[in-house]
Amino acid sequence: MSKDLFMNCAKFAFAGYGVQMALAPSMMVKMNFEHEPTDMEKVWIRGTSASIFAFLYALGQMDSEVAFKTTAIYTFVIGCLYPWNTRFISKMN
């Protein structure tokens, strides 16, 4: 996969999550944890969308090589952190 394709796919995926988190925060909980979200969960999910949009904006301001490395590391960490946190730290199935 080329760097450009990776970056476009990552930006598309993160933008999709950001929009979903901003407009339909309940969906994140219902799809991944199979329960009705609390008001607090909706607040932090909606608030997290701002961080995702800021990250996407910052990527556009970076040198392309730095943006690629940053996105590769960020994607790897997110891919490890969420499943490991869910399974082993928070003890959720």
PDB file of N, CA and C in Angstrom:
ATOM      1  N   MET A   1       0.856  -1.171   0.000  1.00  0.00           N
ATOM      2  CA  MET A   1       0.000   0.000   0.000  1.00  0.00           C
ATOM      3  C   MET A   1       0.902   1.234   0.000  1.00  0.00           C
ATOM      4  N   SER A   2       0.590   2.171  -0.851  1.00  0.00           N
ATOM      5  CA  SER A   2       1.382   3.398  -0.922  1.00  0.00           C
ATOM      6  C   SER A   2       1.087   4.293   0.287  1.00  0.00           C
ATOM      7  N   LYS A   3       2.003   5.198   0.551  1.00  0.00           N
ATOM      8  CA  LYS A   3       1.805   6.140   1.655  1.00  0.00           C
ATOM      9  C   LYS A   3       0.572   7.005   1.426  1.00  0.00           C
ATOM     10  N   ASP A   4       0.388   7.437   0.184  1.00  0.00           N
ATOM     11  CA  ASP A   4      -0.777   8.279  -0.130  1.00  0.00           C
ATOM     12  C   ASP A   4      -2.083   7.530   0.100  1.00  0.00           C
ATOM     13  N   LEU A   5      -2.135   6.276  -0.322  1.00  0.00           N
ATOM     14  CA  LEU A   5      -3.349   5.488  -0.118  1.00  0.00           C
ATOM     15  C   LEU A   5      -3.601   5.265   1.372  1.00  0.00           C
ATOM     16  N   PHE A   6      -2.539   4.945   2.112  1.00  0.00           N
ATOM     17  CA  PHE A   6      -2.673   4.767   3.564  1.00  0.00           C
ATOM     18  C   PHE A   6      -3.211   6.040   4.216  1.00  0.00           C
ATOM     19  N   MET A   7      -2.634   7.178   3.855  1.00  0.00           N
ATOM     20  CA  MET A   7      -3.071   8.444   4.450  1.00  0.00           C
ATOM     21  C   MET A   7      -4.528   8.751   4.101  1.00  0.00           C
ATOM     22  N   ASN A   8      -4.907   8.556   2.858  1.00  0.00           N
ATOM     23  CA  ASN A   8      -6.291   8.820   2.465  1.00  0.00           C
ATOM     24  C   ASN A   8      -7.268   7.897   3.185  1.00  0.00           C
ATOM     25  N   CYS A   9      -6.919   6.630   3.307  1.00  0.00           N
ATOM     26  CA  CYS A   9      -7.785   5.676   4.025  1.00  0.00           C
ATOM     27  C   CYS A   9      -7.895   6.044   5.502  1.00  0.00           C
ATOM     28  N   ALA A  10      -6.763   6.375   6.115  1.00  0.00           N
ATOM     29  CA  ALA A  10      -6.765   6.734   7.538  1.00  0.00           C
ATOM     30  C   ALA A  10      -7.579   8.003   7.773  1.00  0.00           C
ATOM     31  N   LYS A  11      -7.375   9.021   6.950  1.00  0.00           N
ATOM     32  CA  LYS A  11      -8.131  10.267   7.099  1.00  0.00           C
ATOM     33  C   LYS A  11      -9.632  10.016   6.936  1.00  0.00           C
ATOM     34  N   PHE A  12      -9.992   9.213   5.948  1.00  0.00           N
ATOM     35  CA  PHE A  12     -11.398   8.892   5.715  1.00  0.00           C
ATOM     36  C   PHE A  12     -11.992   8.177   6.926  1.00  0.00           C
ATOM     37  N   ALA A  13     -11.273   7.183   7.445  1.00  0.00           N
ATOM     38  CA  ALA A  13     -11.766   6.419   8.602  1.00  0.00           C
ATOM     39  C   ALA A  13     -11.899   7.312   9.840  1.00  0.00           C
ATOM     40  N   PHE A  14     -10.871   8.105  10.127  1.00  0.00           N
ATOM     41  CA  PHE A  14     -10.938   8.964  11.309  1.00  0.00           C
ATOM     42  C   PHE A  14     -12.001  10.045  11.156  1.00  0.00           C
ATOM     43  N   ALA A  15     -12.160  10.582   9.960  1.00  0.00           N
ATOM     44  CA  ALA A  15     -13.221  11.573   9.733  1.00  0.00           C
ATOM     45  C   ALA A  15     -14.593  10.935   9.943  1.00  0.00           C
ATOM     46  N   GLY A  16     -14.752   9.710   9.464  1.00  0.00           N
ATOM     47  CA  GLY A  16     -16.013   9.001   9.675  1.00  0.00           C
ATOM     48  C   GLY A  16     -16.319   8.796  11.150  1.00  0.00           C
ATOM     49  N   TYR A  17     -15.297   8.374  11.905  1.00  0.00           N
ATOM     50  CA  TYR A  17     -15.490   8.211  13.346  1.00  0.00           C
ATOM     51  C   TYR A  17     -15.811   9.556  13.999  1.00  0.00           C
ATOM     52  N   GLY A  18     -15.113  10.613  13.587  1.00  0.00           N
ATOM     53  CA  GLY A  18     -15.355  11.928  14.169  1.00  0.00           C
ATOM     54  C   GLY A  18     -16.777  12.406  13.942  1.00  0.00           C
ATOM     55  N   VAL A  19     -17.265  12.248  12.724  1.00  0.00           N
ATOM     56  CA  VAL A  19     -18.638  12.659  12.407  1.00  0.00           C
ATOM     57  C   VAL A  19     -19.629  11.805  13.191  1.00  0.00           C
ATOM     58  N   GLN A  20     -19.406  10.504  13.207  1.00  0.00           N
ATOM     59  CA  GLN A  20     -20.301   9.611  13.947  1.00  0.00           C
ATOM     60  C   GLN A  20     -20.309   9.958  15.431  1.00  0.00           C
ATOM     61  N   MET A  21     -19.141  10.222  15.991  1.00  0.00           N
ATOM     62  CA  MET A  21     -19.066  10.552  17.418  1.00  0.00           C
ATOM     63  C   MET A  21     -19.768  11.875  17.711  1.00  0.00           C
ATOM     64  N   ALA A  22     -19.659  12.827  16.807  1.00  0.00           N
ATOM     65  CA  ALA A  22     -20.287  14.130  17.019  1.00  0.00           C
ATOM     66  C   ALA A  22     -21.804  14.075  16.863  1.00  0.00           C
ATOM     67  N   LEU A  23     -22.273  13.334  15.855  1.00  0.00           N
ATOM     68  CA  LEU A  23     -23.694  13.357  15.528  1.00  0.00           C
ATOM     69  C   LEU A  23     -24.503  12.202  16.111  1.00  0.00           C
ATOM     70  N   ALA A  24     -23.851  11.078  16.364  1.00  0.00           N
ATOM     71  CA  ALA A  24     -24.577   9.896  16.859  1.00  0.00           C
ATOM     72  C   ALA A  24     -23.754   9.152  17.906  1.00  0.00           C
ATOM     73  N   PRO A  25     -23.452   9.807  19.028  1.00  0.00           N
ATOM     74  CA  PRO A  25     -22.585   9.172  20.019  1.00  0.00           C
ATOM     75  C   PRO A  25     -23.158   7.882  20.604  1.00  0.00           C
ATOM     76  N   SER A  26     -24.453   7.759  20.636  1.00  0.00           N
ATOM     77  CA  SER A  26     -25.076   6.546  21.168  1.00  0.00           C
ATOM     78  C   SER A  26     -24.697   5.318  20.344  1.00  0.00           C
ATOM     79  N   MET A  27     -24.520   5.518  19.047  1.00  0.00           N
ATOM     80  CA  MET A  27     -24.210   4.409  18.158  1.00  0.00           C
ATOM     81  C   MET A  27     -22.900   3.718  18.549  1.00  0.00           C
ATOM     82  N   MET A  28     -21.919   4.490  18.984  1.00  0.00           N
ATOM     83  CA  MET A  28     -20.626   3.911  19.360  1.00  0.00           C
ATOM     84  C   MET A  28     -20.785   2.908  20.505  1.00  0.00           C
ATOM     85  N   VAL A  29     -21.587   3.252  21.477  1.00  0.00           N
ATOM     86  CA  VAL A  29     -21.784   2.379  22.632  1.00  0.00           C
ATOM     87  C   VAL A  29     -22.629   1.172  22.254  1.00  0.00           C
ATOM     88  N   LYS A  30     -23.717   1.418  21.565  1.00  0.00           N
ATOM     89  CA  LYS A  30     -24.623   0.323  21.196  1.00  0.00           C
ATOM     90  C   LYS A  30     -23.939  -0.713  20.306  1.00  0.00           C
ATOM     91  N   MET A  31     -23.115  -0.272  19.381  1.00  0.00           N
ATOM     92  CA  MET A  31     -22.451  -1.190  18.463  1.00  0.00           C
ATOM     93  C   MET A  31     -21.336  -1.988  19.130  1.00  0.00           C
ATOM     94  N   ASN A  32     -20.616  -1.358  20.049  1.00  0.00           N
ATOM     95  CA  ASN A  32     -19.427  -1.992  20.605  1.00  0.00           C
ATOM     96  C   ASN A  32     -19.614  -2.612  21.981  1.00  0.00           C
ATOM     97  N   PHE A  33     -20.592  -2.152  22.729  1.00  0.00           N
ATOM     98  CA  PHE A  33     -20.732  -2.636  24.107  1.00  0.00           C
ATOM     99  C   PHE A  33     -22.130  -3.156  24.422  1.00  0.00           C
ATOM    100  N   GLU A  34     -23.007  -3.094  23.455  1.00  0.00           N
ATOM    101  CA  GLU A  34     -24.330  -3.695  23.565  1.00  0.00           C
ATOM    102  C   GLU A  34     -25.123  -3.268  24.800  1.00  0.00           C
ATOM    103  N   HIS A  35     -25.106  -1.988  25.094  1.00  0.00           N
ATOM    104  CA  HIS A  35     -25.976  -1.444  26.137  1.00  0.00           C
ATOM    105  C   HIS A  35     -26.340  -0.012  25.769  1.00  0.00           C
ATOM    106  N   GLU A  36     -27.346   0.488  26.403  1.00  0.00           N
ATOM    107  CA  GLU A  36     -27.761   1.869  26.166  1.00  0.00           C
ATOM    108  C   GLU A  36     -26.747   2.815  26.822  1.00  0.00           C
ATOM    109  N   PRO A  37     -26.278   3.813  26.110  1.00  0.00           N
ATOM    110  CA  PRO A  37     -25.277   4.715  26.677  1.00  0.00           C
ATOM    111  C   PRO A  37     -25.863   5.638  27.747  1.00  0.00           C
ATOM    112  N   THR A  38     -25.039   5.958  28.699  1.00  0.00           N
ATOM    113  CA  THR A  38     -25.426   6.937  29.717  1.00  0.00           C
ATOM    114  C   THR A  38     -25.224   8.338  29.129  1.00  0.00           C
ATOM    115  N   ASP A  39     -25.768   9.324  29.792  1.00  0.00           N
ATOM    116  CA  ASP A  39     -25.567  10.700  29.341  1.00  0.00           C
ATOM    117  C   ASP A  39     -24.079  11.061  29.374  1.00  0.00           C
ATOM    118  N   MET A  40     -23.360  10.583  30.387  1.00  0.00           N
ATOM    119  CA  MET A  40     -21.930  10.874  30.491  1.00  0.00           C
ATOM    120  C   MET A  40     -21.155  10.262  29.319  1.00  0.00           C
ATOM    121  N   GLU A  41     -21.506   9.053  28.927  1.00  0.00           N
ATOM    122  CA  GLU A  41     -20.842   8.435  27.776  1.00  0.00           C
ATOM    123  C   GLU A  41     -21.071   9.256  26.512  1.00  0.00           C
ATOM    124  N   LYS A  42     -22.290   9.732  26.338  1.00  0.00           N
ATOM    125  CA  LYS A  42     -22.583  10.564  25.165  1.00  0.00           C
ATOM    126  C   LYS A  42     -21.748  11.842  25.181  1.00  0.00           C
ATOM    127  N   VAL A  43     -21.581  12.433  26.366  1.00  0.00           N
ATOM    128  CA  VAL A  43     -20.800  13.668  26.484  1.00  0.00           C
ATOM    129  C   VAL A  43     -19.348  13.429  26.093  1.00  0.00           C
ATOM    130  N   TRP A  44     -18.709  12.393  26.653  1.00  0.00           N
ATOM    131  CA  TRP A  44     -17.291  12.199  26.347  1.00  0.00           C
ATOM    132  C   TRP A  44     -17.084  11.735  24.919  1.00  0.00           C
ATOM    133  N   ILE A  45     -18.008  10.965  24.368  1.00  0.00           N
ATOM    134  CA  ILE A  45     -17.866  10.541  22.978  1.00  0.00           C
ATOM    135  C   ILE A  45     -18.000  11.745  22.047  1.00  0.00           C
ATOM    136  N   ARG A  46     -19.007  12.570  22.286  1.00  0.00           N
ATOM    137  CA  ARG A  46     -19.193  13.761  21.454  1.00  0.00           C
ATOM    138  C   ARG A  46     -17.985  14.696  21.593  1.00  0.00           C
ATOM    139  N   GLY A  47     -17.478  14.852  22.801  1.00  0.00           N
ATOM    140  CA  GLY A  47     -16.313  15.708  23.025  1.00  0.00           C
ATOM    141  C   GLY A  47     -15.050  15.182  22.354  1.00  0.00           C
ATOM    142  N   THR A  48     -14.913  13.872  22.293  1.00  0.00           N
ATOM    143  CA  THR A  48     -13.749  13.266  21.659  1.00  0.00           C
ATOM    144  C   THR A  48     -13.705  13.562  20.167  1.00  0.00           C
ATOM    145  N   SER A  49     -14.843  13.811  19.569  1.00  0.00           N
ATOM    146  CA  SER A  49     -14.850  14.133  18.139  1.00  0.00           C
ATOM    147  C   SER A  49     -14.014  15.375  17.849  1.00  0.00           C
ATOM    148  N   ALA A  50     -13.977  16.327  18.770  1.00  0.00           N
ATOM    149  CA  ALA A  50     -13.176  17.536  18.570  1.00  0.00           C
ATOM    150  C   ALA A  50     -11.694  17.193  18.466  1.00  0.00           C
ATOM    151  N   SER A  51     -11.238  16.235  19.265  1.00  0.00           N
ATOM    152  CA  SER A  51      -9.835  15.817  19.203  1.00  0.00           C
ATOM    153  C   SER A  51      -9.522  15.162  17.864  1.00  0.00           C
ATOM    154  N   ILE A  52     -10.440  14.379  17.365  1.00  0.00           N
ATOM    155  CA  ILE A  52     -10.224  13.733  16.073  1.00  0.00           C
ATOM    156  C   ILE A  52     -10.153  14.773  14.962  1.00  0.00           C
ATOM    157  N   PHE A  53     -11.064  15.742  14.983  1.00  0.00           N
ATOM    158  CA  PHE A  53     -11.037  16.785  13.956  1.00  0.00           C
ATOM    159  C   PHE A  53      -9.762  17.626  14.061  1.00  0.00           C
ATOM    160  N   ALA A  54      -9.301  17.896  15.275  1.00  0.00           N
ATOM    161  CA  ALA A  54      -8.058  18.645  15.465  1.00  0.00           C
ATOM    162  C   ALA A  54      -6.864  17.849  14.920  1.00  0.00           C
ATOM    163  N   PHE A  55      -6.871  16.536  15.165  1.00  0.00           N
ATOM    164  CA  PHE A  55      -5.812  15.670  14.642  1.00  0.00           C
ATOM    165  C   PHE A  55      -5.789  15.714  13.115  1.00  0.00           C
ATOM    166  N   LEU A  56      -6.956  15.620  12.502  1.00  0.00           N
ATOM    167  CA  LEU A  56      -7.024  15.669  11.044  1.00  0.00           C
ATOM    168  C   LEU A  56      -6.544  17.013  10.501  1.00  0.00           C
ATOM    169  N   TYR A  57      -6.902  18.080  11.176  1.00  0.00           N
ATOM    170  CA  TYR A  57      -6.438  19.408  10.760  1.00  0.00           C
ATOM    171  C   TYR A  57      -4.918  19.495  10.879  1.00  0.00           C
ATOM    172  N   ALA A  58      -4.385  19.019  12.003  1.00  0.00           N
ATOM    173  CA  ALA A  58      -2.937  19.064  12.218  1.00  0.00           C
ATOM    174  C   ALA A  58      -2.193  18.254  11.156  1.00  0.00           C
ATOM    175  N   LEU A  59      -2.751  17.122  10.759  1.00  0.00           N
ATOM    176  CA  LEU A  59      -2.118  16.323   9.704  1.00  0.00           C
ATOM    177  C   LEU A  59      -1.961  17.129   8.426  1.00  0.00           C
ATOM    178  N   GLY A  60      -2.973  17.918   8.126  1.00  0.00           N
ATOM    179  CA  GLY A  60      -2.919  18.741   6.919  1.00  0.00           C
ATOM    180  C   GLY A  60      -1.893  19.850   6.986  1.00  0.00           C
ATOM    181  N   GLN A  61      -1.458  20.208   8.179  1.00  0.00           N
ATOM    182  CA  GLN A  61      -0.476  21.274   8.357  1.00  0.00           C
ATOM    183  C   GLN A  61       0.957  20.746   8.407  1.00  0.00           C
ATOM    184  N   MET A  62       1.114  19.444   8.538  1.00  0.00           N
ATOM    185  CA  MET A  62       2.438  18.828   8.680  1.00  0.00           C
ATOM    186  C   MET A  62       3.055  18.519   7.326  1.00  0.00           C
ATOM    187  N   ASP A  63       4.367  18.394   7.350  1.00  0.00           N
ATOM    188  CA  ASP A  63       5.091  17.829   6.228  1.00  0.00           C
ATOM    189  C   ASP A  63       4.542  16.426   5.979  1.00  0.00           C
ATOM    190  N   SER A  64       4.426  16.015   4.728  1.00  0.00           N
ATOM    191  CA  SER A  64       3.770  14.738   4.413  1.00  0.00           C
ATOM    192  C   SER A  64       4.467  13.540   5.053  1.00  0.00           C
ATOM    193  N   GLU A  65       5.770  13.561   5.152  1.00  0.00           N
ATOM    194  CA  GLU A  65       6.479  12.428   5.771  1.00  0.00           C
ATOM    195  C   GLU A  65       6.209  12.372   7.273  1.00  0.00           C
ATOM    196  N   VAL A  66       6.193  13.513   7.926  1.00  0.00           N
ATOM    197  CA  VAL A  66       5.874  13.567   9.359  1.00  0.00           C
ATOM    198  C   VAL A  66       4.423  13.146   9.584  1.00  0.00           C
ATOM    199  N   ALA A  67       3.528  13.603   8.729  1.00  0.00           N
ATOM    200  CA  ALA A  67       2.113  13.234   8.850  1.00  0.00           C
ATOM    201  C   ALA A  67       1.939  11.726   8.691  1.00  0.00           C
ATOM    202  N   PHE A  68       2.681  11.126   7.744  1.00  0.00           N
ATOM    203  CA  PHE A  68       2.595   9.680   7.543  1.00  0.00           C
ATOM    204  C   PHE A  68       3.068   8.932   8.788  1.00  0.00           C
ATOM    205  N   LYS A  69       4.216   9.299   9.316  1.00  0.00           N
ATOM    206  CA  LYS A  69       4.755   8.619  10.508  1.00  0.00           C
ATOM    207  C   LYS A  69       3.814   8.796  11.699  1.00  0.00           C
ATOM    208  N   THR A  70       3.304  10.001  11.874  1.00  0.00           N
ATOM    209  CA  THR A  70       2.384  10.278  12.982  1.00  0.00           C
ATOM    210  C   THR A  70       1.121   9.428  12.854  1.00  0.00           C
ATOM    211  N   THR A  71       0.572   9.357  11.665  1.00  0.00           N
ATOM    212  CA  THR A  71      -0.645   8.584  11.449  1.00  0.00           C
ATOM    213  C   THR A  71      -0.392   7.092  11.619  1.00  0.00           C
ATOM    214  N   ALA A  72       0.742   6.611  11.148  1.00  0.00           N
ATOM    215  CA  ALA A  72       1.073   5.194  11.302  1.00  0.00           C
ATOM    216  C   ALA A  72       1.174   4.821  12.783  1.00  0.00           C
ATOM    217  N   ILE A  73       1.850   5.646  13.565  1.00  0.00           N
ATOM    218  CA  ILE A  73       1.993   5.379  15.004  1.00  0.00           C
ATOM    219  C   ILE A  73       0.638   5.486  15.698  1.00  0.00           C
ATOM    220  N   TYR A  74      -0.105   6.542  15.394  1.00  0.00           N
ATOM    221  CA  TYR A  74      -1.415   6.760  16.010  1.00  0.00           C
ATOM    222  C   TYR A  74      -2.369   5.607  15.714  1.00  0.00           C
ATOM    223  N   THR A  75      -2.384   5.169  14.464  1.00  0.00           N
ATOM    224  CA  THR A  75      -3.255   4.062  14.065  1.00  0.00           C
ATOM    225  C   THR A  75      -2.865   2.774  14.780  1.00  0.00           C
ATOM    226  N   PHE A  76      -1.569   2.513  14.877  1.00  0.00           N
ATOM    227  CA  PHE A  76      -1.088   1.321  15.574  1.00  0.00           C
ATOM    228  C   PHE A  76      -1.473   1.361  17.051  1.00  0.00           C
ATOM    229  N   VAL A  77      -1.254   2.495  17.695  1.00  0.00           N
ATOM    230  CA  VAL A  77      -1.565   2.626  19.125  1.00  0.00           C
ATOM    231  C   VAL A  77      -3.066   2.474  19.369  1.00  0.00           C
ATOM    232  N   ILE A  78      -3.894   3.121  18.570  1.00  0.00           N
ATOM    233  CA  ILE A  78      -5.347   2.990  18.704  1.00  0.00           C
ATOM    234  C   ILE A  78      -5.755   1.531  18.509  1.00  0.00           C
ATOM    235  N   GLY A  79      -5.169   0.890  17.501  1.00  0.00           N
ATOM    236  CA  GLY A  79      -5.485  -0.501  17.210  1.00  0.00           C
ATOM    237  C   GLY A  79      -5.109  -1.459  18.335  1.00  0.00           C
ATOM    238  N   CYS A  80      -4.099  -1.106  19.109  1.00  0.00           N
ATOM    239  CA  CYS A  80      -3.697  -1.933  20.257  1.00  0.00           C
ATOM    240  C   CYS A  80      -4.432  -1.535  21.527  1.00  0.00           C
ATOM    241  N   LEU A  81      -4.518  -0.244  21.763  1.00  0.00           N
ATOM    242  CA  LEU A  81      -5.033   0.255  23.036  1.00  0.00           C
ATOM    243  C   LEU A  81      -6.488  -0.111  23.286  1.00  0.00           C
ATOM    244  N   TYR A  82      -7.348   0.127  22.331  1.00  0.00           N
ATOM    245  CA  TYR A  82      -8.763  -0.136  22.575  1.00  0.00           C
ATOM    246  C   TYR A  82      -9.079  -1.605  22.832  1.00  0.00           C
ATOM    247  N   PRO A  83      -8.634  -2.529  21.987  1.00  0.00           N
ATOM    248  CA  PRO A  83      -8.948  -3.937  22.285  1.00  0.00           C
ATOM    249  C   PRO A  83      -8.300  -4.429  23.578  1.00  0.00           C
ATOM    250  N   TRP A  84      -7.049  -4.045  23.830  1.00  0.00           N
ATOM    251  CA  TRP A  84      -6.364  -4.489  25.046  1.00  0.00           C
ATOM    252  C   TRP A  84      -7.021  -3.891  26.281  1.00  0.00           C
ATOM    253  N   ASN A  85      -7.383  -2.616  26.199  1.00  0.00           N
ATOM    254  CA  ASN A  85      -8.054  -1.972  27.331  1.00  0.00           C
ATOM    255  C   ASN A  85      -9.382  -2.649  27.615  1.00  0.00           C
ATOM    256  N   THR A  86     -10.134  -2.908  26.561  1.00  0.00           N
ATOM    257  CA  THR A  86     -11.454  -3.536  26.728  1.00  0.00           C
ATOM    258  C   THR A  86     -11.335  -4.915  27.338  1.00  0.00           C
ATOM    259  N   ARG A  87     -10.427  -5.707  26.851  1.00  0.00           N
ATOM    260  CA  ARG A  87     -10.332  -7.108  27.250  1.00  0.00           C
ATOM    261  C   ARG A  87      -9.590  -7.313  28.570  1.00  0.00           C
ATOM    262  N   PHE A  88      -8.420  -6.698  28.717  1.00  0.00           N
ATOM    263  CA  PHE A  88      -7.546  -7.036  29.835  1.00  0.00           C
ATOM    264  C   PHE A  88      -7.552  -6.028  30.990  1.00  0.00           C
ATOM    265  N   ILE A  89      -7.739  -4.768  30.700  1.00  0.00           N
ATOM    266  CA  ILE A  89      -7.697  -3.749  31.753  1.00  0.00           C
ATOM    267  C   ILE A  89      -9.087  -3.528  32.337  1.00  0.00           C
ATOM    268  N   SER A  90     -10.055  -3.266  31.477  1.00  0.00           N
ATOM    269  CA  SER A  90     -11.417  -3.019  31.942  1.00  0.00           C
ATOM    270  C   SER A  90     -12.218  -4.303  32.130  1.00  0.00           C
ATOM    271  N   LYS A  91     -11.664  -5.421  31.668  1.00  0.00           N
ATOM    272  CA  LYS A  91     -12.293  -6.742  31.815  1.00  0.00           C
ATOM    273  C   LYS A  91     -13.673  -6.805  31.175  1.00  0.00           C
ATOM    274  N   MET A  92     -13.782  -6.237  29.964  1.00  0.00           N
ATOM    275  CA  MET A  92     -15.051  -6.278  29.228  1.00  0.00           C
ATOM    276  C   MET A  92     -14.915  -7.311  28.112  1.00  0.00           C
ATOM    277  N   ASN A  93     -16.004  -7.916  27.741  1.00  0.00           N
ATOM    278  CA  ASN A  93     -15.962  -8.889  26.636  1.00  0.00           C
ATOM    279  C   ASN A  93     -16.454  -8.262  25.367  1.00  0.00           C
TER     280      ASN A  93
END
